[in-house]
Amino acid sequence: MELKLNYKRTCLIGFAFFGILLLWQVYDSWCPTFLTDIFARNMFGETSAELKAGSQENILKVQWLVGIVMACDNLAALILLPIFGSLSDRTKTPIGKRMPFILLGTFVAAVAFPFIPLFFHYNNVAGMIVMMAIVLMFMMMYRNPAVALMPDITPKPLRAKANGIINIMGYFGGAFATVLGIFLKLTKYINVDDAARKLYIIELPFVIASVLMVISALVLFFTVKENKILEEMKDELAEGERMAAIATPVDDNKPMSKENRNMLIAILAAEFLWFMADNGIGTYIGNYVIYYLKSESSATSLLTIIGGVASVVGFAIAGFIADRLGRKWTIVTGLSLTMLALLVMCFVVPTNNVVGENGEFALPVTLFVVWVIKGFGMSLVHNCSFPMVVELCSSKKIGKFTGFYYASSMAAQSITPILIGMIFRVSLLWRALPIYACIAYAASAVVFFIFVKNIKAKKLENAKGIEALGDSD
């Protein structure tokens, strides 16, 4: 039987990831700076602008509190992700087993999201943190089933290519948020006196993200009929099981084999380490750019765009690289490139070249190069890692194993913001951020290199040219 990827349907499934990355990009770009500002104002009685203009010591001292808040939400997700994954595996409804979770999670998160900047604007710490927690918890209800939807209806040998398409769709979502950050500059809100702060500057990105997230969920709901597709594809999915790149065949009636279990543990351990680095950079890069490099907040958005373009290129070719080298060596290559990029970042310093109306400096050109390499490298990693995890289970447990994958990442994201925040507090050095990330990426590459086997899927005759776009309805 010939297996070929349904590109149109895979793109439509990608709308789920579009909504996920759209929300996370806004969340990660704005919330750590909100927390830095609100904690600094309440602890030291100075505005963020006054603190930025003076010593960095007080700004660095509140980063551990920023880390605790960002990590507490992730700790709740660590518990909820496997629960929602297992629940969705066992759910049976006329609209499918994943769709009820996707719809409920999307709508609650979308309603709560715009209240985060509203509470921040009125200096309500408790209200802001509660809204952040609600958004994150309901996004966990959405995220696991949404991500599990792709492997549900994609044969195993095709999942790396499908995951590339899914991630590219997600980066389109992130791009919307990034463009908003360029035009609605956070520094124009943060670096002014209280009386001059305009709520719309920080509220609009959250409202737009909520609206687009709801639209993406509705597109998914009206175009992807889970039950119908599963019935149509049962033979292809069965053939995919036979061709899987695993040490021993999966059998739901038997315990997981030792080889497969060791492979799963090694992948999750390496994933934990690269998310320690990835989330650390993602959490603090906005503050690093604003407070250390003294650049405009829009500079962070430019970094995101450049890294995103490099990631799209990586996602587009990662599946083909994996076909040649195997997923293990594709991931090791991606981690090694990223580690080298962060090593270069350790030597980046402020330019002292004033370009902004409030005295902001130009962003160092070296950092753009770092983000291109990092974006490309981590796209190879993310593209291949999730398919490797769900390769180790049958279709009956995809939600559960998706939960394992995200539980590992959330465990890292529960620890790393606090850990880096404490390192900042002790070292009082912003350079600690790239050093920390470089070490974590290197450790992840070592774990993957030593403990993960490079098993290629059985030879697959892929459709070519126009034929590859056929049967898309």
Protein backbone atom coordinates (compact mmCIF):
# COMPACT_ATOMS: atom_id res chain seq x y z
CA MET A 1 0.00 0.00 0.00
CA GLU A 2 1.35 3.44 -0.93
CA LEU A 3 1.31 6.05 1.85
CA LYS A 4 1.26 9.73 0.98
CA LEU A 5 0.66 12.78 3.08
CA ASN A 6 -2.59 14.71 2.68
CA TYR A 7 -1.16 18.24 2.64
CA LYS A 8 -4.46 20.10 2.61
CA ARG A 9 -5.82 18.26 5.64
CA THR A 10 -2.53 18.58 7.49
CA CYS A 11 -2.57 22.35 6.94
CA LEU A 12 -6.12 22.51 8.30
CA ILE A 13 -5.08 20.56 11.39
CA GLY A 14 -2.29 23.12 11.68
CA PHE A 15 -4.85 25.78 12.59
CA ALA A 16 -4.85 24.21 16.06
CA PHE A 17 -1.14 24.93 16.40
CA PHE A 18 -1.69 28.38 14.85
CA GLY A 19 -3.84 29.27 17.85
CA ILE A 20 -1.41 27.75 20.34
CA LEU A 21 1.70 29.63 19.17
CA LEU A 22 -0.26 32.83 18.65
CA LEU A 23 -1.29 32.89 22.30
CA TRP A 24 2.08 31.75 23.66
CA GLN A 25 3.97 34.36 21.65
CA VAL A 26 1.88 37.17 23.14
CA TYR A 27 2.01 35.56 26.60
CA ASP A 28 5.80 35.08 26.61
CA SER A 29 6.55 38.45 25.01
CA TRP A 30 4.47 40.60 27.35
CA CYS A 31 3.88 38.79 30.67
CA PRO A 32 7.44 38.55 32.05
CA THR A 33 7.89 42.31 31.52
CA PHE A 34 4.47 42.98 33.08
CA LEU A 35 5.59 41.00 36.13
CA THR A 36 8.98 42.73 36.29
CA ASP A 37 7.34 46.14 36.16
CA ILE A 38 4.57 45.42 38.66
CA PHE A 39 6.88 43.73 41.20
CA ALA A 40 9.54 46.45 40.90
CA ARG A 41 6.96 49.20 41.33
CA ASN A 42 5.43 47.58 44.41
CA MET A 43 8.70 46.47 46.05
CA PHE A 44 10.94 49.49 45.40
CA GLY A 45 8.43 52.29 44.83
CA GLU A 46 9.95 53.17 41.45
CA THR A 47 8.56 52.87 37.97
CA SER A 48 10.14 50.41 35.58
CA ALA A 49 11.47 53.36 33.55
CA GLU A 50 13.24 54.80 36.62
CA LEU A 51 14.71 51.41 37.47
CA LYS A 52 15.89 50.88 33.90
CA ALA A 53 17.59 54.27 33.83
CA GLY A 54 19.40 53.51 37.10
CA SER A 55 21.08 50.41 38.47
CA GLN A 56 20.18 46.97 37.09
CA GLU A 57 20.43 45.50 40.59
CA ASN A 58 16.78 45.95 41.60
CA ILE A 59 15.53 44.75 38.21
CA LEU A 60 17.62 41.59 38.55
CA LYS A 61 16.47 41.10 42.14
CA VAL A 62 12.80 40.71 41.12
CA GLN A 63 13.50 38.17 38.37
CA TRP A 64 13.21 35.26 40.79
CA LEU A 65 9.64 36.37 41.59
CA VAL A 66 8.93 36.62 37.86
CA GLY A 67 10.27 33.10 37.53
CA ILE A 68 8.10 31.75 40.34
CA VAL A 69 4.90 33.10 38.79
CA MET A 70 5.79 31.84 35.31
CA ALA A 71 6.74 28.45 36.77
CA CYS A 72 3.68 27.97 39.01
CA ASP A 73 1.36 28.04 36.01
CA ASN A 74 3.55 25.47 34.29
CA LEU A 75 3.52 23.29 37.38
CA ALA A 76 -0.27 23.11 37.17
CA ALA A 77 0.04 22.24 33.48
CA LEU A 78 2.46 19.45 34.36
CA ILE A 79 -0.38 17.78 36.26
CA LEU A 80 -3.15 18.62 33.80
CA LEU A 81 -1.48 17.67 30.51
CA PRO A 82 -1.36 13.89 31.09
CA ILE A 83 -4.88 14.00 32.55
CA PHE A 84 -6.37 15.72 29.49
CA GLY A 85 -4.36 13.45 27.20
CA SER A 86 -5.69 10.27 28.80
CA LEU A 87 -9.23 11.67 29.04
CA SER A 88 -9.29 12.56 25.35
CA ASP A 89 -8.01 9.06 24.46
CA ARG A 90 -11.09 7.60 26.15
CA THR A 91 -13.61 10.20 24.98
CA LYS A 92 -16.20 9.31 22.32
CA THR A 93 -18.53 11.98 20.96
CA PRO A 94 -20.23 12.70 17.60
CA ILE A 95 -17.61 15.40 16.96
CA GLY A 96 -14.63 13.21 17.89
CA LYS A 97 -12.49 12.56 20.93
CA ARG A 98 -10.22 15.63 20.72
CA MET A 99 -12.60 18.33 19.50
CA PRO A 100 -14.63 18.85 22.73
CA PHE A 101 -11.43 19.65 24.65
CA ILE A 102 -10.16 21.91 21.89
CA LEU A 103 -13.35 23.97 21.75
CA LEU A 104 -13.85 24.38 25.50
CA GLY A 105 -10.20 25.16 26.18
CA THR A 106 -10.06 27.71 23.37
CA PHE A 107 -13.13 29.69 24.35
CA VAL A 108 -12.37 29.94 28.08
CA ALA A 109 -8.73 30.90 27.45
CA ALA A 110 -9.78 33.46 24.83
CA VAL A 111 -12.22 35.15 27.22
CA ALA A 112 -9.72 35.31 30.10
CA PHE A 113 -6.67 36.40 28.07
CA PRO A 114 -7.47 40.14 27.62
CA PHE A 115 -7.96 40.54 31.37
CA ILE A 116 -4.21 40.00 32.00
CA PRO A 117 -3.11 43.46 30.70
CA LEU A 118 -6.23 45.06 32.16
CA PHE A 119 -5.36 43.97 35.72
CA PHE A 120 -1.71 44.90 35.12
CA HIS A 121 -2.67 48.41 33.99
CA TYR A 122 -4.56 48.95 37.24
CA ASN A 123 -1.69 47.50 39.33
CA ASN A 124 -3.77 44.51 40.50
CA VAL A 125 -1.14 41.82 41.07
CA ALA A 126 -3.54 39.13 42.33
CA GLY A 127 -6.03 39.61 39.48
CA MET A 128 -3.31 39.49 36.86
CA ILE A 129 -1.76 36.28 38.23
CA VAL A 130 -5.17 34.58 38.55
CA MET A 131 -5.98 35.40 34.91
CA MET A 132 -2.58 34.06 33.81
CA ALA A 133 -3.29 30.80 35.67
CA ILE A 134 -6.77 30.41 34.12
CA VAL A 135 -5.44 31.00 30.61
CA LEU A 136 -2.63 28.52 31.01
CA MET A 137 -4.78 25.78 32.55
CA PHE A 138 -7.43 25.94 29.84
CA MET A 139 -4.78 26.11 27.15
CA MET A 140 -3.53 22.81 28.54
CA MET A 141 -7.02 21.40 27.98
CA TYR A 142 -6.72 22.65 24.39
CA ARG A 143 -3.05 21.92 23.71
CA ASN A 144 -2.71 18.19 24.33
CA PRO A 145 -5.75 17.10 22.28
CA ALA A 146 -4.94 19.63 19.53
CA VAL A 147 -1.40 18.31 19.13
CA ALA A 148 -2.58 14.67 19.36
CA LEU A 149 -4.95 15.25 16.45
CA MET A 150 -2.15 15.12 13.85
CA PRO A 151 -0.75 11.67 14.79
CA ASP A 152 -4.33 10.41 15.25
CA ILE A 153 -4.93 10.63 11.51
CA THR A 154 -1.39 10.47 10.05
CA PRO A 155 0.45 7.16 9.43
CA LYS A 156 3.65 6.88 11.49
CA PRO A 157 6.24 7.17 8.68
CA LEU A 158 4.66 10.44 7.51
CA ARG A 159 4.49 12.18 10.88
CA ALA A 160 7.83 14.01 10.69
CA LYS A 161 6.80 15.72 7.43
CA ALA A 162 3.31 16.39 8.81
CA ASN A 163 4.81 17.82 11.99
CA GLY A 164 6.85 20.22 9.87
CA ILE A 165 3.68 21.53 8.21
CA ILE A 166 1.91 21.78 11.57
CA ASN A 167 4.79 23.79 13.04
CA ILE A 168 4.95 26.11 10.02
CA MET A 169 1.25 26.87 10.53
CA GLY A 170 2.03 27.53 14.18
CA TYR A 171 4.74 29.98 13.25
CA PHE A 172 2.25 31.92 11.14
CA GLY A 173 0.31 32.34 14.39
CA GLY A 174 3.44 33.50 16.18
CA ALA A 175 4.11 35.92 13.32
CA PHE A 176 0.78 37.69 13.92
CA ALA A 177 1.76 38.28 17.54
CA THR A 178 5.26 39.40 16.56
CA VAL A 179 4.00 41.99 14.07
CA LEU A 180 1.73 43.37 16.78
CA GLY A 181 4.78 43.74 19.01
CA ILE A 182 6.52 45.84 16.36
CA PHE A 183 3.68 48.34 16.01
CA LEU A 184 2.45 48.29 19.61
CA LYS A 185 5.79 48.68 21.36
CA LEU A 186 5.80 47.60 24.98
CA THR A 187 8.61 50.07 25.72
CA LYS A 188 6.26 52.92 24.76
CA TYR A 189 4.11 51.81 27.71
CA ILE A 190 6.83 50.72 30.15
CA ASN A 191 9.28 53.62 29.65
CA VAL A 192 6.87 56.46 30.42
CA ASP A 193 5.31 57.95 33.53
CA ASP A 194 2.11 56.41 34.89
CA ALA A 195 -0.06 59.25 33.61
CA ALA A 196 1.20 58.76 30.05
CA ARG A 197 0.54 55.01 29.92
CA LYS A 198 -2.08 54.10 27.30
CA LEU A 199 -4.02 50.90 28.00
CA TYR A 200 -4.69 50.17 24.31
CA ILE A 201 -0.96 49.62 23.65
CA ILE A 202 -0.93 46.49 25.82
CA GLU A 203 -4.60 45.50 25.50
CA LEU A 204 -4.87 45.26 21.71
CA PRO A 205 -2.38 42.38 21.25
CA PHE A 206 -4.29 40.26 23.77
CA VAL A 207 -7.70 41.01 22.25
CA ILE A 208 -6.50 40.31 18.71
CA ALA A 209 -4.85 37.07 19.84
CA SER A 210 -8.08 35.92 21.49
CA VAL A 211 -10.16 36.65 18.39
CA LEU A 212 -7.74 34.88 16.03
CA MET A 213 -7.48 31.91 18.38
CA VAL A 214 -11.26 31.46 18.35
CA ILE A 215 -11.34 31.77 14.55
CA SER A 216 -8.59 29.13 14.20
CA ALA A 217 -10.52 26.71 16.44
CA LEU A 218 -13.70 27.23 14.41
CA VAL A 219 -11.82 26.61 11.13
CA LEU A 220 -10.51 23.38 12.61
CA PHE A 221 -13.95 22.32 13.84
CA PHE A 222 -15.74 22.93 10.53
CA THR A 223 -13.09 21.40 8.26
CA VAL A 224 -11.65 18.41 10.14
CA LYS A 225 -14.19 15.69 10.94
CA GLU A 226 -12.31 13.34 13.24
CA ASN A 227 -14.58 10.30 13.19
CA LYS A 228 -15.07 10.31 9.42
CA ILE A 229 -11.33 10.66 8.70
CA LEU A 230 -10.39 7.88 11.13
CA GLU A 231 -12.80 5.51 9.43
CA GLU A 232 -11.51 6.40 5.96
CA MET A 233 -7.86 5.97 6.98
CA LYS A 234 -7.92 2.83 9.11
CA ASP A 235 -6.05 0.74 6.51
CA GLU A 236 -3.34 3.36 5.99
CA LEU A 237 -2.89 3.81 9.74
CA ALA A 238 -2.50 0.05 10.15
CA GLU A 239 0.13 0.01 7.41
CA GLY A 240 1.91 2.88 9.18
CA GLU A 241 2.12 0.78 12.35
CA ARG A 242 3.89 -1.95 10.40
CA MET A 243 6.44 0.50 8.97
CA ALA A 244 7.18 2.34 12.24
CA ALA A 245 10.74 3.32 13.24
CA ILE A 246 10.81 1.50 16.60
CA ALA A 247 12.98 -1.18 18.19
CA THR A 248 10.11 -3.62 18.78
CA PRO A 249 6.50 -3.60 17.51
CA VAL A 250 3.86 -1.97 19.74
CA ASP A 251 1.33 -4.34 21.30
CA ASP A 252 -1.39 -2.92 23.57
CA ASN A 253 -1.94 -6.36 25.10
CA LYS A 254 1.64 -6.58 26.37
CA PRO A 255 3.79 -4.34 28.60
CA MET A 256 5.97 -1.83 26.80
CA SER A 257 9.20 -3.51 25.68
CA LYS A 258 12.44 -2.66 27.49
CA GLU A 259 13.97 -1.20 24.30
CA ASN A 260 10.99 1.05 23.63
CA ARG A 261 10.75 2.13 27.27
CA ASN A 262 14.44 3.05 27.41
CA MET A 263 14.06 4.98 24.16
CA LEU A 264 11.08 6.91 25.57
CA ILE A 265 12.91 7.78 28.80
CA ALA A 266 16.00 8.97 26.91
CA ILE A 267 13.97 11.16 24.53
CA LEU A 268 12.00 12.72 27.40
CA ALA A 269 15.17 13.33 29.43
CA ALA A 270 16.85 15.10 26.50
CA GLU A 271 13.64 17.05 25.83
CA PHE A 272 13.55 18.16 29.48
CA LEU A 273 17.05 19.61 29.13
CA TRP A 274 16.45 21.45 25.84
CA PHE A 275 13.24 22.95 27.22
CA MET A 276 15.19 24.08 30.30
CA ALA A 277 17.25 26.13 27.86
CA ASP A 278 14.46 27.04 25.43
CA ASN A 279 11.98 28.25 28.03
CA GLY A 280 14.68 30.10 29.94
CA ILE A 281 15.52 32.09 26.83
CA GLY A 282 11.84 32.54 25.96
CA THR A 283 10.92 33.77 29.44
CA TYR A 284 13.71 36.30 29.89
CA ILE A 285 14.71 37.44 26.39
CA GLY A 286 12.27 40.37 26.51
CA ASN A 287 13.75 41.63 29.78
CA TYR A 288 17.28 40.89 28.51
CA VAL A 289 16.67 43.11 25.46
CA ILE A 290 14.88 45.90 27.35
CA TYR A 291 16.92 46.08 30.55
CA TYR A 292 20.39 44.71 29.62
CA LEU A 293 20.82 45.69 25.98
CA LYS A 294 18.62 48.79 26.61
CA SER A 295 16.90 48.30 23.25
CA GLU A 296 13.29 48.82 22.22
CA SER A 297 10.82 46.01 22.93
CA SER A 298 10.19 45.83 19.17
CA ALA A 299 13.75 44.52 18.84
CA THR A 300 12.56 41.32 20.55
CA SER A 301 9.83 41.07 17.93
CA LEU A 302 12.40 41.44 15.15
CA LEU A 303 14.42 38.62 16.71
CA THR A 304 11.28 36.49 16.80
CA ILE A 305 10.53 37.19 13.13
CA ILE A 306 14.07 36.34 12.03
CA GLY A 307 14.15 33.22 14.18
CA GLY A 308 10.70 32.29 12.93
CA VAL A 309 11.71 32.57 9.26
CA ALA A 310 14.73 30.35 9.95
CA SER A 311 12.45 27.92 11.78
CA VAL A 312 10.02 27.74 8.87
CA VAL A 313 12.92 26.84 6.58
CA GLY A 314 13.99 24.18 9.07
CA PHE A 315 10.52 22.72 9.43
CA ALA A 316 10.12 22.62 5.66
CA ILE A 317 13.22 20.46 5.16
CA ALA A 318 13.55 18.62 8.50
CA GLY A 319 11.40 15.68 7.39
CA PHE A 320 13.56 15.18 4.31
CA ILE A 321 16.76 15.44 6.38
CA ALA A 322 15.34 12.86 8.79
CA ASP A 323 14.61 10.52 5.87
CA ARG A 324 18.30 10.66 4.96
CA LEU A 325 20.03 10.81 8.35
CA GLY A 326 17.40 9.44 10.68
CA ARG A 327 15.60 11.43 13.37
CA LYS A 328 18.35 10.96 15.97
CA TRP A 329 21.10 12.61 13.92
CA THR A 330 18.73 15.34 12.76
CA ILE A 331 18.00 16.24 16.39
CA VAL A 332 21.65 16.02 17.48
CA THR A 333 22.59 18.33 14.59
CA GLY A 334 19.90 20.82 15.60
CA LEU A 335 20.96 20.83 19.25
CA SER A 336 24.63 21.26 18.33
CA LEU A 337 23.87 24.25 16.09
CA THR A 338 21.76 25.85 18.80
CA MET A 339 24.43 25.31 21.44
CA LEU A 340 27.04 27.02 19.25
CA ALA A 341 24.68 29.96 18.66
CA LEU A 342 24.15 30.45 22.40
CA LEU A 343 27.90 30.23 22.96
CA VAL A 344 28.28 33.24 20.65
CA MET A 345 25.47 35.05 22.55
CA CYS A 346 27.56 34.83 25.74
CA PHE A 347 29.82 37.55 24.28
CA VAL A 348 27.07 39.99 23.17
CA VAL A 349 27.15 43.43 24.86
CA PRO A 350 25.05 46.64 24.48
CA THR A 351 25.93 48.71 21.41
CA ASN A 352 25.64 52.19 23.04
CA ASN A 353 24.32 53.33 19.65
CA VAL A 354 21.22 55.42 20.48
CA VAL A 355 18.34 54.96 18.01
CA GLY A 356 15.13 55.30 20.06
CA GLU A 357 13.30 58.44 21.14
CA ASN A 358 13.68 57.40 24.80
CA GLY A 359 17.40 56.70 24.50
CA GLU A 360 17.13 53.03 23.47
CA PHE A 361 20.18 51.40 21.90
CA ALA A 362 20.31 49.52 18.61
CA LEU A 363 20.21 45.75 18.97
CA PRO A 364 23.61 44.08 18.32
CA VAL A 365 23.76 42.55 14.82
CA THR A 366 25.38 39.44 16.29
CA LEU A 367 22.15 38.63 18.09
CA PHE A 368 20.26 38.43 14.79
CA VAL A 369 22.78 35.84 13.56
CA VAL A 370 22.38 33.91 16.81
CA TRP A 371 18.60 33.83 16.37
CA VAL A 372 18.80 32.60 12.78
CA ILE A 373 21.00 29.66 13.78
CA LYS A 374 18.97 28.97 16.92
CA GLY A 375 15.66 29.09 15.03
CA PHE A 376 16.88 26.70 12.34
CA GLY A 377 18.53 24.34 14.80
CA MET A 378 15.58 24.03 17.17
CA SER A 379 13.15 23.54 14.27
CA LEU A 380 15.04 20.34 13.42
CA VAL A 381 14.71 19.26 17.05
CA HIS A 382 11.01 20.05 17.51
CA ASN A 383 10.07 18.64 14.12
CA CYS A 384 11.45 15.16 14.85
CA SER A 385 11.11 14.77 18.63
CA PHE A 386 7.32 14.61 19.00
CA PRO A 387 6.89 12.00 16.21
CA MET A 388 9.57 9.89 17.92
CA VAL A 389 7.52 9.83 21.14
CA VAL A 390 4.15 8.95 19.58
CA GLU A 391 5.91 6.37 17.39
CA LEU A 392 6.28 4.30 20.57
CA CYS A 393 2.53 3.88 21.17
CA SER A 394 -0.55 2.66 19.32
CA SER A 395 -3.39 4.89 18.16
CA LYS A 396 -5.23 4.11 21.40
CA LYS A 397 -2.65 5.91 23.53
CA ILE A 398 -1.62 8.92 21.43
CA GLY A 399 -3.17 11.38 23.88
CA LYS A 400 -1.41 9.71 26.80
CA PHE A 401 1.99 9.78 25.09
CA THR A 402 1.39 13.37 23.96
CA GLY A 403 0.85 14.02 27.65
CA PHE A 404 4.24 12.45 28.42
CA TYR A 405 5.88 14.69 25.82
CA TYR A 406 4.35 17.88 27.16
CA ALA A 407 4.69 16.84 30.80
CA SER A 408 8.45 16.65 30.24
CA SER A 409 8.51 20.11 28.66
CA MET A 410 6.27 21.57 31.36
CA ALA A 411 8.42 20.05 34.12
CA ALA A 412 11.36 21.93 32.63
CA GLN A 413 9.30 25.10 32.30
CA SER A 414 8.24 24.78 35.95
CA ILE A 415 11.85 24.73 37.12
CA THR A 416 13.86 26.85 34.73
CA PRO A 417 12.30 30.33 35.27
CA ILE A 418 12.86 30.06 39.04
CA LEU A 419 16.35 28.63 38.64
CA ILE A 420 17.49 31.35 36.24
CA GLY A 421 15.79 33.99 38.39
CA MET A 422 17.80 32.79 41.39
CA ILE A 423 20.99 32.76 39.29
CA PHE A 424 20.29 36.38 38.31
CA ARG A 425 19.74 37.30 41.95
CA VAL A 426 23.05 35.76 43.02
CA SER A 427 25.21 36.69 40.02
CA LEU A 428 23.60 40.04 39.14
CA LEU A 429 24.67 39.26 35.56
CA TRP A 430 22.38 39.18 32.50
CA ARG A 431 25.10 37.15 30.73
CA ALA A 432 24.13 34.25 32.98
CA LEU A 433 21.14 33.67 30.64
CA PRO A 434 23.04 32.53 27.50
CA ILE A 435 25.63 30.66 29.59
CA TYR A 436 22.86 28.69 31.32
CA ALA A 437 21.09 27.93 28.03
CA CYS A 438 24.32 26.87 26.31
CA ILE A 439 25.08 24.34 29.08
CA ALA A 440 21.53 22.90 28.99
CA TYR A 441 21.55 22.52 25.18
CA ALA A 442 24.94 20.79 25.35
CA ALA A 443 23.74 18.37 28.04
CA SER A 444 20.64 17.58 25.97
CA ALA A 445 22.75 16.81 22.88
CA VAL A 446 24.98 14.49 24.92
CA VAL A 447 21.99 12.57 26.35
CA PHE A 448 20.44 12.18 22.90
CA PHE A 449 23.75 11.16 21.32
CA ILE A 450 24.52 8.47 23.91
CA PHE A 451 21.14 6.98 24.82
CA VAL A 452 18.83 7.29 21.79
CA LYS A 453 19.07 4.78 18.95
CA ASN A 454 18.89 5.88 15.34
CA ILE A 455 16.13 3.66 13.93
CA LYS A 456 14.87 4.50 10.46
CA ALA A 457 11.36 3.72 9.28
CA LYS A 458 10.99 0.98 6.69
CA LYS A 459 11.47 2.29 3.18
CA LEU A 460 8.52 4.42 2.16
CA GLU A 461 7.67 5.14 -1.46
CA ASN A 462 6.61 8.77 -1.21
CA ALA A 463 4.38 10.43 -3.76
CA LYS A 464 6.18 12.99 -5.92
CA GLY A 465 5.33 16.19 -7.75
CA ILE A 466 1.68 16.93 -8.50
CA GLU A 467 0.76 13.47 -7.32
CA ALA A 468 1.78 14.43 -3.79
CA LEU A 469 -0.97 17.04 -3.73
CA GLY A 470 -3.71 14.64 -4.80
CA ASP A 471 -6.52 13.16 -2.73
CA SER A 472 -6.66 16.31 -0.61
CA ASP A 473 -10.38 16.39 -0.04
